[in-house]
Amino acid sequence: MKQKDILLLLIPSFIVIVAWIAFSIYHSSVASTITPIVDIQIAPITPAFDTATISQLKQRANVSPIYEVQNIPSPSPTPFYIPAAPISSQSGIPLGAPANSPQGTSGGTLAP
């Protein structure tokens, strides 16, 4: 590229960058992100304090509470017991069933 071609690229780029910066500064100064309500709330206070009121507050008697808060222990949770299902043997009779119960008889008929 020739020197003339480089100047044709640099000069318009410089003008665009300067215009972009100028527009950004102008936009920042015009646009406010603070609402009017917030602007009123953040107004500085005057440093003139009523010293007579402050001295009266310092002369107040300290008041102690009559009732003090006590830590009441919270109840601890108790475990919930779920009985296990009876385990059956290979013959189909539940383990621990009495021998004279219907499950404990052999042959499949009930004895009178």
Protein backbone atom coordinates (compact mmCIF):
# COMPACT_ATOMS: atom_id res chain seq x y z
CA MET A 1 0.00 0.00 0.00
CA LYS A 2 1.06 3.46 -0.66
CA GLN A 3 1.32 6.18 1.92
CA LYS A 4 -1.67 7.95 0.39
CA ASP A 5 -3.86 4.85 0.87
CA ILE A 6 -2.87 4.56 4.53
CA LEU A 7 -3.75 8.23 5.11
CA LEU A 8 -7.16 7.66 3.48
CA LEU A 9 -7.84 4.95 6.10
CA LEU A 10 -6.33 6.66 9.15
CA ILE A 11 -7.95 10.08 8.82
CA PRO A 12 -11.60 8.88 8.61
CA SER A 13 -10.92 6.36 11.41
CA PHE A 14 -9.50 9.13 13.63
CA ILE A 15 -12.54 11.34 12.92
CA VAL A 16 -14.97 8.52 13.74
CA ILE A 17 -13.16 7.70 17.02
CA VAL A 18 -13.10 11.36 18.13
CA ALA A 19 -16.80 11.76 17.26
CA TRP A 20 -17.63 8.56 19.14
CA ILE A 21 -15.83 9.74 22.28
CA ALA A 22 -17.48 13.18 22.10
CA PHE A 23 -20.94 11.65 21.70
CA SER A 24 -20.35 9.29 24.65
CA ILE A 25 -19.32 12.18 26.90
CA TYR A 26 -22.34 14.22 25.81
CA HIS A 27 -24.71 11.28 26.37
CA SER A 28 -23.29 10.61 29.84
CA SER A 29 -23.76 14.22 30.88
CA VAL A 30 -27.34 14.45 29.58
CA ALA A 31 -28.71 11.05 30.63
CA SER A 32 -29.16 10.59 34.38
CA THR A 33 -29.63 7.19 35.96
CA ILE A 34 -30.85 8.66 39.27
CA THR A 35 -34.60 9.08 39.65
CA PRO A 36 -35.95 12.30 41.18
CA ILE A 37 -37.08 10.43 44.32
CA VAL A 38 -33.61 9.03 44.89
CA ASP A 39 -32.12 12.45 44.20
CA ILE A 40 -34.21 13.90 47.04
CA GLN A 41 -33.29 11.02 49.36
CA ILE A 42 -29.54 11.41 48.84
CA ALA A 43 -29.51 15.15 49.46
CA PRO A 44 -26.78 16.01 51.99
CA ILE A 45 -27.86 16.90 55.50
CA THR A 46 -26.76 20.07 57.19
CA PRO A 47 -24.13 19.58 59.90
CA ALA A 48 -25.96 21.83 62.38
CA PHE A 49 -26.98 19.63 65.31
CA ASP A 50 -29.04 20.70 68.29
CA THR A 51 -26.44 20.36 71.05
CA ALA A 52 -29.00 20.97 73.81
CA THR A 53 -30.99 17.91 72.72
CA ILE A 54 -27.83 15.81 72.52
CA SER A 55 -26.83 16.79 76.05
CA GLN A 56 -30.34 15.93 77.32
CA LEU A 57 -30.09 12.53 75.68
CA LYS A 58 -26.75 11.91 77.40
CA GLN A 59 -28.31 12.72 80.79
CA ARG A 60 -31.06 10.11 80.44
CA ALA A 61 -31.05 7.27 82.93
CA ASN A 62 -30.22 3.83 81.61
CA VAL A 63 -33.24 1.58 81.78
CA SER A 64 -32.71 -2.13 82.26
CA PRO A 65 -35.39 -4.57 81.12
CA ILE A 66 -37.54 -6.27 83.74
CA TYR A 67 -37.83 -9.52 81.85
CA GLU A 68 -34.83 -11.06 80.25
CA VAL A 69 -35.10 -13.33 77.28
CA GLN A 70 -34.43 -16.93 78.20
CA ASN A 71 -33.30 -19.58 75.81
CA ILE A 72 -36.02 -22.19 75.66
CA PRO A 73 -34.64 -25.48 74.39
CA SER A 74 -36.41 -26.70 71.30
CA PRO A 75 -37.68 -30.26 71.41
CA SER A 76 -35.43 -32.72 69.67
CA PRO A 77 -37.05 -34.89 67.02
CA THR A 78 -37.71 -38.49 67.97
CA PRO A 79 -36.95 -41.23 65.48
CA PHE A 80 -39.95 -42.73 63.76
CA TYR A 81 -40.04 -46.53 64.05
CA ILE A 82 -41.46 -48.53 61.17
CA PRO A 83 -41.66 -52.26 61.92
CA ALA A 84 -40.00 -54.45 59.34
CA ALA A 85 -42.09 -56.81 57.22
CA PRO A 86 -41.85 -60.47 58.28
CA ILE A 87 -39.19 -62.40 56.44
CA SER A 88 -40.44 -65.64 54.94
CA SER A 89 -38.48 -68.80 54.46
CA GLN A 90 -38.17 -70.68 51.19
CA SER A 91 -41.23 -72.80 52.00
CA GLY A 92 -43.49 -69.74 52.12
CA ILE A 93 -44.04 -69.90 55.88
CA PRO A 94 -43.14 -66.66 57.67
CA LEU A 95 -40.27 -67.09 60.04
CA GLY A 96 -41.37 -66.98 63.66
CA ALA A 97 -44.93 -68.17 62.92
CA PRO A 98 -46.23 -70.70 65.46
CA ALA A 99 -46.39 -74.29 64.28
CA ASN A 100 -50.15 -74.62 64.92
CA SER A 101 -51.07 -71.50 62.91
CA PRO A 102 -52.57 -71.89 59.41
CA GLN A 103 -49.22 -70.85 57.94
CA GLY A 104 -47.41 -73.42 60.04
CA THR A 105 -49.43 -76.49 58.96
CA SER A 106 -48.11 -78.76 56.32
CA GLY A 107 -50.09 -80.32 53.52
CA GLY A 108 -52.16 -77.27 52.72
CA THR A 109 -55.29 -78.35 54.70
CA LEU A 110 -56.32 -76.82 57.96
CA ALA A 111 -56.57 -79.08 60.99
CA PRO A 112 -59.84 -78.90 63.05
